[in-house]
Protein backbone atom coordinates (compact mmCIF):
# COMPACT_ATOMS: atom_id res chain seq x y z
CA MET A 1 -227.46 55.30 4.06
CA ASN A 2 -226.91 52.65 1.20
CA PRO A 3 -224.46 50.62 2.44
CA SER A 4 -222.84 49.70 -1.01
CA SER A 5 -223.03 53.46 -1.90
CA PRO A 6 -219.44 54.84 -1.51
CA LEU A 7 -218.55 56.92 1.93
CA PRO A 8 -218.57 61.13 1.91
CA LYS A 9 -215.74 62.40 1.76
CA HIS A 10 -215.35 63.85 5.44
CA PHE A 11 -216.47 60.44 6.48
CA ARG A 12 -213.21 58.83 4.65
CA LEU A 13 -211.11 61.58 6.38
CA ALA A 14 -212.39 60.79 9.96
CA MET A 15 -211.99 56.83 9.58
CA ALA A 16 -208.09 57.77 8.33
CA LEU A 17 -207.60 59.50 11.31
CA VAL A 18 -208.89 57.15 13.40
CA PRO A 19 -205.56 55.08 14.10
CA ALA A 20 -204.03 58.04 15.10
CA CYS A 21 -206.44 60.32 17.07
CA CYS A 22 -209.04 58.49 18.86
CA ALA A 23 -206.83 57.77 21.55
CA LEU A 24 -205.76 61.67 22.19
CA ALA A 25 -209.43 62.53 21.36
CA LEU A 26 -210.62 60.40 24.01
CA ALA A 27 -208.07 61.91 26.50
CA ALA A 28 -208.91 65.29 25.56
CA CYS A 29 -212.27 64.16 26.74
CA GLY A 30 -211.55 63.12 29.98
CA GLU A 31 -209.16 66.21 30.48
CA ARG A 32 -212.20 68.62 29.78
CA ARG A 33 -214.46 66.88 32.67
CA ALA A 34 -211.42 67.18 34.96
CA ASP A 35 -211.16 70.15 37.49
CA THR A 36 -208.72 72.76 35.49
CA SER A 37 -207.91 74.18 38.22
CA THR A 38 -205.56 71.01 39.43
CA SER A 39 -204.59 70.34 35.82
CA GLN A 40 -201.30 71.19 34.31
CA VAL A 41 -202.19 73.32 30.85
CA ALA A 42 -199.78 73.57 28.01
CA ALA A 43 -201.74 76.45 26.12
CA GLN A 44 -204.73 77.70 26.17
CA VAL A 45 -206.76 78.02 23.12
CA GLY A 46 -210.08 80.04 23.24
CA GLN A 47 -212.63 78.60 25.91
CA GLY A 48 -210.23 75.31 25.61
CA GLU A 49 -206.61 74.24 26.18
CA VAL A 50 -203.91 71.32 25.84
CA SER A 51 -202.70 70.06 29.02
CA ILE A 52 -198.86 68.87 29.08
CA HIS A 53 -201.30 65.19 29.67
CA GLN A 54 -202.22 65.48 25.91
CA VAL A 55 -198.81 66.35 24.95
CA ASN A 56 -196.77 63.53 26.88
CA LEU A 57 -199.37 60.89 25.55
CA VAL A 58 -198.31 61.66 21.86
CA LEU A 59 -194.53 61.58 22.78
CA GLN A 60 -195.18 58.51 24.72
CA ARG A 61 -196.06 57.03 21.14
CA GLN A 62 -192.44 57.56 19.73
CA PRO A 63 -189.86 55.29 21.09
CA ASP A 64 -187.30 56.14 19.62
CA LEU A 65 -187.31 59.53 20.47
CA ARG A 66 -183.65 60.38 22.21
CA PRO A 67 -183.87 62.70 25.40
CA GLU A 68 -182.48 65.68 23.56
CA GLN A 69 -184.87 65.44 21.10
CA VAL A 70 -187.58 65.96 23.64
CA GLU A 71 -188.27 69.51 24.00
CA SER A 72 -187.66 69.90 20.42
CA ALA A 73 -190.64 67.41 20.08
CA SER A 74 -193.09 68.74 23.09
CA ARG A 75 -193.05 71.98 21.14
CA THR A 76 -193.78 70.14 17.93
CA VAL A 77 -196.62 68.23 19.21
CA LEU A 78 -198.09 71.11 21.18
CA GLU A 79 -198.37 72.80 18.03
CA ARG A 80 -200.10 70.01 16.09
CA LEU A 81 -202.46 69.91 19.14
CA VAL A 82 -203.64 73.31 18.98
CA GLN A 83 -204.36 72.81 15.58
CA LEU A 84 -205.94 69.78 16.52
CA GLU A 85 -207.89 71.91 19.28
CA LEU A 86 -208.59 75.09 16.82
CA ALA A 87 -210.22 72.19 14.70
CA VAL A 88 -212.36 70.91 16.86
CA GLN A 89 -213.65 74.11 18.28
CA LYS A 90 -215.11 75.12 14.73
CA ALA A 91 -216.53 71.27 14.36
CA ASN A 92 -218.60 71.58 17.65
CA GLU A 93 -219.62 75.06 16.57
CA ALA A 94 -220.74 73.93 13.91
CA LYS A 95 -222.95 70.93 15.40
CA ILE A 96 -220.53 68.37 13.36
CA ASP A 97 -220.36 66.26 15.95
CA ARG A 98 -223.43 65.52 15.86
CA ASP A 99 -223.71 64.20 12.09
CA PRO A 100 -224.78 60.54 11.85
CA GLN A 101 -221.70 59.31 9.99
CA VAL A 102 -219.24 61.65 12.43
CA VAL A 103 -221.17 60.00 15.37
CA GLN A 104 -220.37 56.83 13.58
CA ALA A 105 -216.66 57.31 12.93
CA LEU A 106 -216.60 58.48 16.66
CA ASP A 107 -218.27 55.28 17.92
CA PHE A 108 -216.13 52.96 16.31
CA ALA A 109 -212.88 55.29 17.65
CA ARG A 110 -213.77 54.43 20.83
CA ARG A 111 -214.23 50.85 20.28
CA GLU A 112 -210.65 50.43 18.49
CA VAL A 113 -208.89 52.27 21.59
CA LEU A 114 -210.80 49.83 23.94
CA ALA A 115 -210.02 46.67 22.19
CA ARG A 116 -206.47 47.69 21.09
CA ALA A 117 -205.78 48.24 25.23
CA TYR A 118 -207.28 45.03 25.80
CA ILE A 119 -204.47 43.17 23.40
CA ASP A 120 -201.94 45.87 25.03
CA ARG A 121 -202.94 44.12 28.53
CA LEU A 122 -202.69 40.86 27.33
CA ALA A 123 -200.06 40.41 25.39
CA GLU A 124 -197.98 41.99 28.79
CA THR A 125 -198.76 38.70 30.86
CA ALA A 126 -196.74 36.69 28.15
CA GLY A 127 -193.73 35.21 30.06
CA LYS A 128 -189.89 36.32 28.91
CA PRO A 129 -187.83 33.54 27.43
CA SER A 130 -185.33 32.07 29.30
CA ALA A 131 -181.67 32.32 28.87
CA GLN A 132 -181.75 28.66 27.75
CA ASP A 133 -184.78 29.32 25.32
CA ILE A 134 -182.34 32.21 23.74
CA ASP A 135 -179.27 29.68 23.36
CA ARG A 136 -181.85 27.36 21.56
CA PHE A 137 -182.80 29.70 19.26
CA TYR A 138 -179.17 30.93 18.25
CA GLU A 139 -178.56 27.24 17.74
CA GLU A 140 -181.41 26.06 15.86
CA ARG A 141 -180.71 29.50 13.25
CA PRO A 142 -177.33 29.22 12.21
CA ALA A 143 -178.38 31.20 8.90
CA LEU A 144 -179.22 33.59 10.83
CA PHE A 145 -175.81 33.73 13.08
CA LYS A 146 -173.26 31.72 13.20
CA THR A 147 -173.22 31.06 9.24
CA ARG A 148 -174.98 34.59 8.32
CA ARG A 149 -174.55 35.85 5.26
CA ILE A 150 -175.46 38.66 3.15
CA TYR A 151 -177.20 37.55 0.13
CA SER A 152 -176.92 39.64 -3.36
CA VAL A 153 -179.94 37.86 -5.47
CA GLN A 154 -181.70 38.08 -8.79
CA GLU A 155 -185.72 38.32 -8.41
CA LEU A 156 -188.19 37.56 -11.02
CA GLY A 157 -192.07 37.68 -10.16
CA VAL A 158 -194.21 35.97 -12.64
CA VAL A 159 -197.49 36.06 -13.24
CA ALA A 160 -199.13 32.92 -14.78
CA SER A 161 -202.36 30.89 -14.43
CA THR A 162 -202.04 27.81 -11.91
CA ASP A 163 -202.32 25.60 -15.73
CA ARG A 164 -199.61 27.44 -17.31
CA LEU A 165 -196.99 27.06 -14.15
CA PRO A 166 -195.92 23.29 -14.35
CA ALA A 167 -194.87 23.79 -17.78
CA LEU A 168 -193.35 27.71 -17.51
CA GLN A 169 -191.41 26.67 -14.17
CA ALA A 170 -189.82 23.42 -16.24
CA ARG A 171 -188.59 25.47 -19.04
CA LEU A 172 -187.31 28.29 -17.12
CA ALA A 173 -185.40 25.32 -14.92
CA ALA A 174 -183.90 24.40 -18.15
CA ALA A 175 -182.98 27.65 -18.59
CA ARG A 176 -180.67 28.41 -15.82
CA THR A 177 -179.31 32.07 -16.62
CA VAL A 178 -181.79 35.28 -16.15
CA PRO A 179 -180.91 36.83 -19.50
CA ALA A 180 -182.20 32.79 -20.69
CA MET A 181 -185.12 33.15 -18.41
CA LEU A 182 -186.09 36.46 -19.79
CA THR A 183 -186.01 35.18 -23.54
CA GLU A 184 -188.45 32.55 -22.45
CA LEU A 185 -190.82 34.44 -20.45
CA ASN A 186 -190.88 36.90 -23.14
CA ALA A 187 -191.75 34.05 -25.82
CA SER A 188 -194.25 32.76 -23.55
CA GLY A 189 -196.10 36.03 -23.01
CA VAL A 190 -196.50 36.15 -19.72
CA ASN A 191 -196.18 39.39 -17.44
CA TYR A 192 -193.28 39.52 -14.67
CA THR A 193 -191.05 42.05 -13.26
CA LEU A 194 -187.54 41.68 -12.36
CA SER A 195 -185.53 43.12 -9.51
CA SER A 196 -181.82 42.80 -7.79
CA VAL A 197 -181.30 42.92 -4.18
CA THR A 198 -178.69 42.58 -1.50
CA LYS A 199 -179.35 41.94 2.04
CA PRO A 200 -178.73 40.63 5.32
CA ALA A 201 -179.83 37.09 6.66
CA GLU A 202 -182.50 38.86 8.89
CA ASP A 203 -184.01 40.99 6.14
CA TRP A 204 -185.22 37.72 4.42
CA ALA A 205 -188.53 36.20 5.39
CA LEU A 206 -187.51 32.83 7.41
CA PRO A 207 -188.75 30.33 4.52
CA VAL A 208 -187.02 32.62 2.01
CA LEU A 209 -183.58 32.48 4.40
CA ASP A 210 -183.72 28.59 4.43
CA LYS A 211 -183.62 28.38 0.66
CA LEU A 212 -180.69 31.16 0.65
CA ALA A 213 -178.69 29.34 3.22
CA GLY A 214 -178.80 25.99 1.13
CA MET A 215 -178.30 27.53 -2.30
CA SER A 216 -174.90 28.09 -3.80
CA GLU A 217 -173.95 30.47 -6.42
CA GLY A 218 -175.98 30.61 -9.75
CA GLN A 219 -178.49 28.25 -8.18
CA VAL A 220 -182.45 29.23 -8.93
CA GLU A 221 -185.05 28.43 -6.52
CA PHE A 222 -188.65 28.73 -7.42
CA LEU A 223 -191.25 29.46 -4.65
CA PRO A 224 -195.08 29.40 -5.56
CA GLN A 225 -196.24 32.89 -4.84
CA PRO A 226 -200.04 34.28 -6.46
CA PRO A 227 -201.08 34.84 -8.79
CA GLY A 228 -197.72 32.71 -10.24
CA LEU A 229 -194.03 32.14 -9.38
CA ARG A 230 -191.37 33.55 -7.39
CA VAL A 231 -188.06 32.74 -9.09
CA LEU A 232 -184.70 33.52 -6.95
CA VAL A 233 -180.96 33.78 -8.44
CA LEU A 234 -178.19 33.53 -5.73
CA THR A 235 -175.79 35.67 -8.00
CA GLY A 236 -173.32 36.22 -4.66
CA SER A 237 -173.10 35.99 -0.81
CA THR A 238 -170.46 37.48 1.74
CA PRO A 239 -170.16 35.69 5.09
CA ALA A 240 -171.39 38.05 8.07
CA PRO A 241 -171.39 35.78 11.26
CA ARG A 242 -172.82 36.72 14.85
CA LYS A 243 -171.99 35.84 18.13
CA LEU A 244 -174.29 34.54 20.75
CA GLU A 245 -173.80 37.54 23.29
CA GLU A 246 -173.94 40.25 19.86
CA ALA A 247 -177.23 38.47 19.27
CA ARG A 248 -179.03 37.81 22.26
CA LEU A 249 -181.10 41.04 23.03
CA PRO A 250 -182.75 40.96 19.67
CA ILE A 251 -183.26 37.16 19.94
CA GLU A 252 -184.66 37.72 23.61
CA GLN A 253 -187.28 40.82 22.10
CA PHE A 254 -187.90 38.76 18.63
CA LEU A 255 -189.44 35.84 21.00
CA LEU A 256 -190.93 37.51 23.38
CA ASN A 257 -192.67 39.30 20.54
CA GLU A 258 -193.70 35.73 19.41
CA ARG A 259 -195.31 34.83 22.83
CA LYS A 260 -197.30 38.07 22.65
CA GLN A 261 -198.63 37.33 19.67
CA GLN A 262 -199.07 33.70 20.24
CA LYS A 263 -201.19 34.73 24.08
CA VAL A 264 -203.18 37.11 21.89
CA ASP A 265 -204.00 34.32 19.20
CA ALA A 266 -205.22 31.64 22.01
CA GLU A 267 -207.22 34.01 23.41
CA LEU A 268 -208.78 35.30 20.82
CA LYS A 269 -209.46 31.90 19.61
CA ALA A 270 -210.90 31.03 22.67
CA LEU A 271 -213.43 33.90 22.63
CA ARG A 272 -214.38 33.18 19.61
CA GLY A 273 -215.17 29.50 20.18
CA THR A 274 -216.93 30.36 23.37
CA THR A 275 -218.86 33.32 21.94
CA PRO A 276 -222.36 32.87 19.77
CA VAL A 277 -221.95 34.75 16.67
CA LYS A 278 -224.69 35.02 14.27
CA TYR A 279 -224.44 36.04 11.03
CA LEU A 280 -227.60 38.16 9.42
CA GLY A 281 -228.87 39.01 6.01
CA LYS A 282 -226.64 38.86 3.15
CA PHE A 283 -223.67 37.75 5.70
CA ALA A 284 -225.66 34.37 6.42
CA GLN A 285 -225.00 32.98 3.05
CA ALA A 286 -221.24 32.56 3.23
CA ALA A 287 -220.64 32.84 7.09
CA PRO A 288 -217.48 31.19 8.12
CA ASP A 289 -217.31 28.16 9.58
CA VAL A 290 -216.01 29.59 13.47
CA ALA A 291 -213.94 26.33 14.01
CA ALA A 292 -212.03 26.20 10.84
CA THR A 293 -211.40 29.66 10.77
CA ALA A 294 -209.73 29.74 13.98
CA ALA A 295 -208.04 27.09 13.00
CA ALA A 296 -206.48 28.43 9.84
CA GLY A 297 -205.98 31.79 11.73
CA SER A 298 -203.60 29.69 13.97
CA ALA A 299 -201.98 27.92 11.80
CA SER A 300 -200.96 31.03 9.93
CA ALA A 301 -200.11 33.13 12.86
CA ALA A 302 -196.58 32.68 12.35
CA SER A 303 -195.95 33.82 8.73
CA ALA A 304 -199.13 36.73 8.81
CA PRO A 305 -199.57 39.47 10.69
CA PRO A 306 -202.47 40.13 13.43
CA VAL A 307 -205.54 42.26 12.46
CA THR A 308 -204.41 45.17 14.78
CA SER A 309 -203.13 48.05 13.36
CA GLY A 310 -201.36 51.22 14.47
CA THR A 311 -197.80 51.51 16.24
CA GLY A 312 -198.60 51.03 19.44
CA LYS A 313 -197.46 47.86 21.54
CA ALA A 314 -200.89 46.17 20.17
CA ALA A 315 -198.74 46.19 16.63
CA LEU A 316 -197.09 43.62 18.80
CA GLU A 317 -194.40 43.93 15.65
CA ALA A 318 -196.61 42.76 13.32
CA GLU A 319 -194.42 43.68 10.16
CA ALA A 320 -191.15 42.72 11.88
CA ARG A 321 -192.93 38.93 12.41
CA SER A 322 -194.52 38.97 9.35
CA LYS A 323 -191.33 39.43 7.10
CA GLY A 324 -189.24 36.97 9.51
CA ILE A 325 -187.04 38.34 12.10
CA GLN A 326 -185.64 41.76 10.70
CA GLY A 327 -185.28 42.61 14.31
CA LEU A 328 -182.18 41.16 14.57
CA ARG A 329 -179.65 43.63 13.53
C-alpha cells in the first residue's frame, strides 16, 4: 500500500474504534479459549456468547456510576456487547480478520493495550502526597484558595504574524477598552475572535490565573499565543475563598496525578535515553535529537497533556492537568 495514499474507510473506522474496544476484544479472545462450562455467561449469541466478565470490564470504565445505576447500565452494556458479538461473528464468516489492514489494526490495538497497562501500573507506584505537601500547596496557591475569586473576562484572540505583533500590541494597549481595541483591530485588517467568559479560579490554566489574580477591574493583560496574541480584559470578579479542609481531598488527588505523570515521564525518558532508536528512510533525514527531545518533553510536562489516550487511568487526568487544576471544585 502506498504510505502517502489515504486510508480506506473501513480501516479508518477500525482505528477510530481501537481505544474503546481493544481491551474488550482481547478479553473476549481470552474468554473464547476458556472452559465455557465454568464461565459466567450473560448471553448466548448464536454460536458465541457474552460473559459477565466482559460486562464488568466495560462497567469498570465508568468510574462515576452510582450503585442505583449499575443494573440499568449493565443491561445497556450487555446490549452493546451483543451487537458487537453479532458484528464479530459476521466479520469472521466473511474472513475480514484476514484482511491485511484489519490485521494491522488489531496488532496496533494489542500493542496499545499493553503499553497502556504498563503505564497504568507504573503510575500506581507513585507515592501519595503527605499532609505537609497538601498544606504547602494550599499556602503556595492563595489564588486558588484563600483569595479565590470567580473571574469575568472578555477575551480577544488575535491572529497576526510575528513581525506585526509588537506594534499591534502597543496600539491595543493604548486603546485600553474593548470597543477601542475592536476599532483598532478592524482598522488593522487582522483576524480576531471575541468572547466573554465567567469562570472560577480552578477553571483557568495556572499561568493565566497568576495573571488574573494580580489584575484589577478594567485592566488588560497580553499573552503570546501562536499564531498571534491573547488579550484578557478583566471586567469583574467575585471573592469565593475556600478553606483548607474543603480543598484537602481535591488537592491530594491533583498532587497524586502530578506524581503519577512525573513517574511516567521519568521512566519513559530513561528508556528513551538507554534504548537505541535508528530512524530509516525519509525519517532519517529529520531524525530528532534524542537528548533534546527528552529534555523538551520533560520541561513541558507540567503544561502539556501526555501522549496517552483513552479514558482509563493511563490518561492520568491529562485534560485536568493541561488546563491547570480544574479538579479542585
